[in-house]
Amino acid sequence: MGKPTKEDKERFLAEMNSERIDNIAEYASTGRVHRELSNDQLIDAFVEAMKAQAATPNAVVAELQPLQYEMELRKIEPPYDRIATAVSKISRNAIDRLRKAYDKLR
């Protein structure tokens, strides 16, 4: 198995984007559970969900994705300044899980 080509990377990103769009469409077609929130309430809930995800490295915070989908439908950018620490911790947790899985395979 060689190094991924540019086409491999583009295909992967296209598949990921397609899945994201399908998930947003499904969220929209099933009633948009967060549609009643104001933009500020939505952003605050998203920030809290990100913090919860960072605090629970081996679990998925169920409300995070629907909040993300609602923000995308409203064209609201994530408040990166408010979630930077959580994103960093989530990334570190994911890397740690990958390393542990790799070590088990060796």
N, C-alpha and C. Protein backbone atom coordinates (compact mmCIF):
# COMPACT_ATOMS: atom_id res chain seq x y z
N MET A 1 0.84 -1.17 0.00
CA MET A 1 0.00 0.00 0.00
C MET A 1 0.88 1.23 0.00
N GLY A 2 0.75 2.03 -1.04
CA GLY A 2 1.58 3.21 -1.17
C GLY A 2 0.92 4.43 -0.54
N LYS A 3 1.58 5.52 -0.72
CA LYS A 3 1.09 6.79 -0.22
C LYS A 3 -0.17 7.19 -1.00
N PRO A 4 -1.18 7.73 -0.31
CA PRO A 4 -2.40 8.14 -1.01
C PRO A 4 -2.10 9.21 -2.07
N THR A 5 -2.75 9.08 -3.19
CA THR A 5 -2.58 10.05 -4.27
C THR A 5 -3.50 11.25 -4.02
N LYS A 6 -3.31 12.27 -4.81
CA LYS A 6 -4.19 13.45 -4.73
C LYS A 6 -5.63 13.04 -5.02
N GLU A 7 -5.80 12.14 -5.98
CA GLU A 7 -7.15 11.67 -6.33
C GLU A 7 -7.77 10.89 -5.17
N ASP A 8 -6.96 10.09 -4.47
CA ASP A 8 -7.46 9.35 -3.30
C ASP A 8 -7.97 10.33 -2.25
N LYS A 9 -7.19 11.37 -2.00
CA LYS A 9 -7.58 12.37 -1.00
C LYS A 9 -8.85 13.09 -1.42
N GLU A 10 -8.94 13.46 -2.70
CA GLU A 10 -10.12 14.15 -3.20
C GLU A 10 -11.36 13.27 -3.10
N ARG A 11 -11.21 11.99 -3.43
CA ARG A 11 -12.32 11.04 -3.35
C ARG A 11 -12.78 10.88 -1.89
N PHE A 12 -11.83 10.77 -0.98
CA PHE A 12 -12.16 10.65 0.44
C PHE A 12 -12.92 11.88 0.92
N LEU A 13 -12.42 13.07 0.58
CA LEU A 13 -13.09 14.30 1.01
C LEU A 13 -14.48 14.43 0.39
N ALA A 14 -14.62 14.02 -0.86
CA ALA A 14 -15.93 14.06 -1.52
C ALA A 14 -16.92 13.12 -0.83
N GLU A 15 -16.45 11.94 -0.45
CA GLU A 15 -17.31 10.99 0.25
C GLU A 15 -17.72 11.52 1.61
N MET A 16 -16.78 12.12 2.31
CA MET A 16 -17.08 12.70 3.62
C MET A 16 -18.10 13.83 3.48
N ASN A 17 -17.93 14.67 2.49
CA ASN A 17 -18.85 15.79 2.27
C ASN A 17 -20.23 15.28 1.89
N SER A 18 -20.28 14.25 1.06
CA SER A 18 -21.55 13.66 0.65
C SER A 18 -22.29 13.10 1.87
N GLU A 19 -21.58 12.42 2.74
CA GLU A 19 -22.19 11.87 3.95
C GLU A 19 -22.70 13.00 4.85
N ARG A 20 -21.93 14.07 4.97
CA ARG A 20 -22.33 15.22 5.79
C ARG A 20 -23.62 15.83 5.23
N ILE A 21 -23.69 15.99 3.92
CA ILE A 21 -24.88 16.56 3.29
C ILE A 21 -26.08 15.65 3.50
N ASP A 22 -25.89 14.34 3.37
CA ASP A 22 -26.98 13.39 3.62
C ASP A 22 -27.48 13.49 5.06
N ASN A 23 -26.56 13.63 6.00
CA ASN A 23 -26.94 13.74 7.41
C ASN A 23 -27.71 15.02 7.68
N ILE A 24 -27.28 16.12 7.08
CA ILE A 24 -27.99 17.38 7.25
C ILE A 24 -29.40 17.28 6.65
N ALA A 25 -29.51 16.67 5.49
CA ALA A 25 -30.82 16.49 4.85
C ALA A 25 -31.73 15.63 5.72
N GLU A 26 -31.19 14.58 6.30
CA GLU A 26 -32.00 13.73 7.18
C GLU A 26 -32.46 14.51 8.41
N TYR A 27 -31.54 15.28 9.00
CA TYR A 27 -31.90 16.12 10.14
C TYR A 27 -33.03 17.08 9.77
N ALA A 28 -32.91 17.72 8.62
CA ALA A 28 -33.93 18.67 8.18
C ALA A 28 -35.27 17.98 7.92
N SER A 29 -35.22 16.78 7.36
CA SER A 29 -36.46 16.09 7.01
C SER A 29 -37.16 15.46 8.22
N THR A 30 -36.46 15.37 9.34
CA THR A 30 -37.06 14.77 10.53
C THR A 30 -37.47 15.81 11.57
N GLY A 31 -37.59 17.06 11.15
CA GLY A 31 -38.20 18.06 12.03
C GLY A 31 -37.29 19.11 12.64
N ARG A 32 -36.00 19.07 12.38
CA ARG A 32 -35.09 20.11 12.90
C ARG A 32 -35.35 20.40 14.37
N VAL A 33 -34.98 19.47 15.21
CA VAL A 33 -35.26 19.53 16.64
C VAL A 33 -34.79 20.84 17.30
N HIS A 34 -33.79 21.49 16.75
CA HIS A 34 -33.26 22.72 17.36
C HIS A 34 -33.74 24.00 16.66
N ARG A 35 -34.74 23.90 15.81
CA ARG A 35 -35.18 25.06 15.03
C ARG A 35 -35.75 26.18 15.88
N GLU A 36 -36.24 25.86 17.07
CA GLU A 36 -36.86 26.87 17.93
C GLU A 36 -35.83 27.69 18.70
N LEU A 37 -34.58 27.24 18.73
CA LEU A 37 -33.55 27.98 19.46
C LEU A 37 -33.18 29.26 18.71
N SER A 38 -32.91 30.31 19.46
CA SER A 38 -32.36 31.51 18.84
C SER A 38 -30.93 31.20 18.41
N ASN A 39 -30.36 32.03 17.59
CA ASN A 39 -28.97 31.81 17.17
C ASN A 39 -28.03 31.76 18.37
N ASP A 40 -28.23 32.67 19.33
CA ASP A 40 -27.39 32.69 20.53
C ASP A 40 -27.56 31.42 21.36
N GLN A 41 -28.80 30.97 21.52
CA GLN A 41 -29.05 29.73 22.26
C GLN A 41 -28.42 28.54 21.55
N LEU A 42 -28.51 28.52 20.24
CA LEU A 42 -27.93 27.44 19.45
C LEU A 42 -26.42 27.40 19.63
N ILE A 43 -25.79 28.54 19.53
CA ILE A 43 -24.34 28.60 19.69
C ILE A 43 -23.93 28.19 21.09
N ASP A 44 -24.65 28.67 22.10
CA ASP A 44 -24.33 28.28 23.49
C ASP A 44 -24.47 26.77 23.70
N ALA A 45 -25.54 26.20 23.15
CA ALA A 45 -25.75 24.75 23.27
C ALA A 45 -24.64 23.98 22.56
N PHE A 46 -24.22 24.47 21.40
CA PHE A 46 -23.13 23.84 20.66
C PHE A 46 -21.83 23.88 21.46
N VAL A 47 -21.52 25.03 22.05
CA VAL A 47 -20.30 25.16 22.86
C VAL A 47 -20.34 24.18 24.02
N GLU A 48 -21.48 24.08 24.70
CA GLU A 48 -21.60 23.15 25.84
C GLU A 48 -21.46 21.70 25.38
N ALA A 49 -22.03 21.37 24.23
CA ALA A 49 -21.91 20.00 23.69
C ALA A 49 -20.45 19.69 23.34
N MET A 50 -19.74 20.66 22.80
CA MET A 50 -18.31 20.45 22.49
C MET A 50 -17.52 20.22 23.76
N LYS A 51 -17.80 20.99 24.79
CA LYS A 51 -17.12 20.81 26.08
C LYS A 51 -17.43 19.44 26.66
N ALA A 52 -18.68 19.01 26.54
CA ALA A 52 -19.07 17.68 27.04
C ALA A 52 -18.34 16.59 26.26
N GLN A 53 -18.23 16.77 24.95
CA GLN A 53 -17.51 15.78 24.13
C GLN A 53 -16.05 15.71 24.55
N ALA A 54 -15.44 16.84 24.82
CA ALA A 54 -14.04 16.87 25.25
C ALA A 54 -13.86 16.20 26.61
N ALA A 55 -14.87 16.30 27.45
CA ALA A 55 -14.79 15.72 28.80
C ALA A 55 -15.07 14.22 28.82
N THR A 56 -15.65 13.69 27.76
CA THR A 56 -15.99 12.26 27.70
C THR A 56 -15.33 11.65 26.47
N PRO A 57 -14.03 11.37 26.56
CA PRO A 57 -13.27 10.97 25.37
C PRO A 57 -13.71 9.68 24.71
N ASN A 58 -14.34 8.78 25.43
CA ASN A 58 -14.72 7.50 24.83
C ASN A 58 -16.20 7.42 24.47
N ALA A 59 -16.88 8.54 24.54
CA ALA A 59 -18.31 8.56 24.23
C ALA A 59 -18.59 9.61 23.17
N VAL A 60 -19.71 9.47 22.55
CA VAL A 60 -20.15 10.48 21.58
C VAL A 60 -21.31 11.23 22.22
N VAL A 61 -21.20 12.53 22.27
CA VAL A 61 -22.28 13.34 22.82
C VAL A 61 -23.35 13.46 21.74
N ALA A 62 -24.49 12.82 21.99
CA ALA A 62 -25.53 12.66 20.96
C ALA A 62 -26.06 13.98 20.43
N GLU A 63 -26.14 15.01 21.24
CA GLU A 63 -26.74 16.25 20.75
C GLU A 63 -25.80 17.09 19.90
N LEU A 64 -24.52 16.74 19.86
CA LEU A 64 -23.55 17.56 19.13
C LEU A 64 -23.87 17.64 17.63
N GLN A 65 -24.07 16.51 16.99
CA GLN A 65 -24.30 16.55 15.54
C GLN A 65 -25.56 17.30 15.15
N PRO A 66 -26.71 17.08 15.79
CA PRO A 66 -27.88 17.87 15.40
C PRO A 66 -27.66 19.38 15.57
N LEU A 67 -26.90 19.77 16.59
CA LEU A 67 -26.59 21.19 16.76
C LEU A 67 -25.73 21.69 15.61
N GLN A 68 -24.75 20.87 15.21
CA GLN A 68 -23.91 21.23 14.07
C GLN A 68 -24.76 21.37 12.80
N TYR A 69 -25.67 20.43 12.59
CA TYR A 69 -26.50 20.47 11.38
C TYR A 69 -27.38 21.72 11.36
N GLU A 70 -27.96 22.05 12.51
CA GLU A 70 -28.80 23.25 12.57
C GLU A 70 -27.96 24.50 12.28
N MET A 71 -26.76 24.55 12.81
CA MET A 71 -25.88 25.69 12.53
C MET A 71 -25.55 25.77 11.05
N GLU A 72 -25.29 24.64 10.43
CA GLU A 72 -24.99 24.65 8.99
C GLU A 72 -26.19 25.11 8.18
N LEU A 73 -27.38 24.65 8.53
CA LEU A 73 -28.58 25.09 7.81
C LEU A 73 -28.79 26.60 7.93
N ARG A 74 -28.41 27.16 9.07
CA ARG A 74 -28.55 28.61 9.28
C ARG A 74 -27.31 29.37 8.79
N LYS A 75 -26.33 28.64 8.31
CA LYS A 75 -25.08 29.25 7.84
C LYS A 75 -24.36 30.01 8.96
N ILE A 76 -24.35 29.40 10.16
CA ILE A 76 -23.66 29.97 11.31
C ILE A 76 -22.33 29.25 11.45
N GLU A 77 -21.26 30.01 11.47
CA GLU A 77 -19.93 29.45 11.68
C GLU A 77 -19.76 29.05 13.15
N PRO A 78 -19.09 27.95 13.42
CA PRO A 78 -18.81 27.60 14.81
C PRO A 78 -18.01 28.72 15.49
N PRO A 79 -18.26 28.95 16.76
CA PRO A 79 -17.53 29.99 17.48
C PRO A 79 -16.14 29.47 17.88
N TYR A 80 -15.24 29.46 16.92
CA TYR A 80 -13.94 28.84 17.11
C TYR A 80 -13.21 29.36 18.35
N ASP A 81 -13.36 30.63 18.65
CA ASP A 81 -12.69 31.19 19.81
C ASP A 81 -13.21 30.59 21.11
N ARG A 82 -14.46 30.15 21.13
CA ARG A 82 -15.06 29.57 22.33
C ARG A 82 -14.85 28.06 22.43
N ILE A 83 -14.47 27.42 21.34
CA ILE A 83 -14.34 25.95 21.37
C ILE A 83 -12.92 25.47 21.13
N ALA A 84 -11.97 26.38 21.04
CA ALA A 84 -10.59 25.99 20.70
C ALA A 84 -10.03 24.97 21.68
N THR A 85 -10.23 25.18 22.96
CA THR A 85 -9.70 24.25 23.96
C THR A 85 -10.37 22.88 23.82
N ALA A 86 -11.68 22.87 23.62
CA ALA A 86 -12.41 21.61 23.47
C ALA A 86 -11.96 20.88 22.21
N VAL A 87 -11.79 21.59 21.10
CA VAL A 87 -11.35 20.97 19.85
C VAL A 87 -9.97 20.36 20.04
N SER A 88 -9.09 21.06 20.71
CA SER A 88 -7.75 20.54 20.96
C SER A 88 -7.80 19.26 21.80
N LYS A 89 -8.62 19.26 22.83
CA LYS A 89 -8.73 18.08 23.69
C LYS A 89 -9.37 16.91 22.94
N ILE A 90 -10.40 17.18 22.15
CA ILE A 90 -11.04 16.13 21.35
C ILE A 90 -10.02 15.52 20.39
N SER A 91 -9.21 16.36 19.77
CA SER A 91 -8.18 15.88 18.84
C SER A 91 -7.16 15.02 19.56
N ARG A 92 -6.69 15.48 20.71
CA ARG A 92 -5.72 14.68 21.49
C ARG A 92 -6.32 13.34 21.90
N ASN A 93 -7.58 13.35 22.32
CA ASN A 93 -8.25 12.10 22.71
C ASN A 93 -8.33 11.14 21.53
N ALA A 94 -8.65 11.66 20.35
CA ALA A 94 -8.75 10.80 19.16
C ALA A 94 -7.38 10.22 18.81
N ILE A 95 -6.35 11.02 18.88
CA ILE A 95 -4.99 10.53 18.60
C ILE A 95 -4.60 9.47 19.60
N ASP A 96 -4.91 9.68 20.87
CA ASP A 96 -4.60 8.68 21.90
C ASP A 96 -5.31 7.36 21.62
N ARG A 97 -6.59 7.44 21.22
CA ARG A 97 -7.34 6.21 20.91
C ARG A 97 -6.73 5.48 19.72
N LEU A 98 -6.32 6.23 18.70
CA LEU A 98 -5.69 5.61 17.53
C LEU A 98 -4.37 4.95 17.91
N ARG A 99 -3.59 5.62 18.73
CA ARG A 99 -2.32 5.03 19.17
C ARG A 99 -2.53 3.75 19.95
N LYS A 100 -3.50 3.75 20.84
CA LYS A 100 -3.79 2.55 21.63
C LYS A 100 -4.26 1.42 20.73
N ALA A 101 -5.10 1.73 19.76
CA ALA A 101 -5.57 0.70 18.82
C ALA A 101 -4.41 0.16 18.00
N TYR A 102 -3.53 1.04 17.57
CA TYR A 102 -2.35 0.62 16.80
C TYR A 102 -1.44 -0.27 17.64
N ASP A 103 -1.22 0.12 18.89
CA ASP A 103 -0.36 -0.68 19.78
C ASP A 103 -0.93 -2.07 19.99
N LYS A 104 -2.25 -2.20 20.05
CA LYS A 104 -2.88 -3.51 20.21
C LYS A 104 -2.65 -4.39 18.99
N LEU A 105 -2.55 -3.78 17.82
CA LEU A 105 -2.35 -4.53 16.59
C LEU A 105 -0.93 -5.03 16.42
N ARG A 106 0.00 -4.38 17.08
CA ARG A 106 1.41 -4.76 16.91
C ARG A 106 1.76 -5.98 17.70
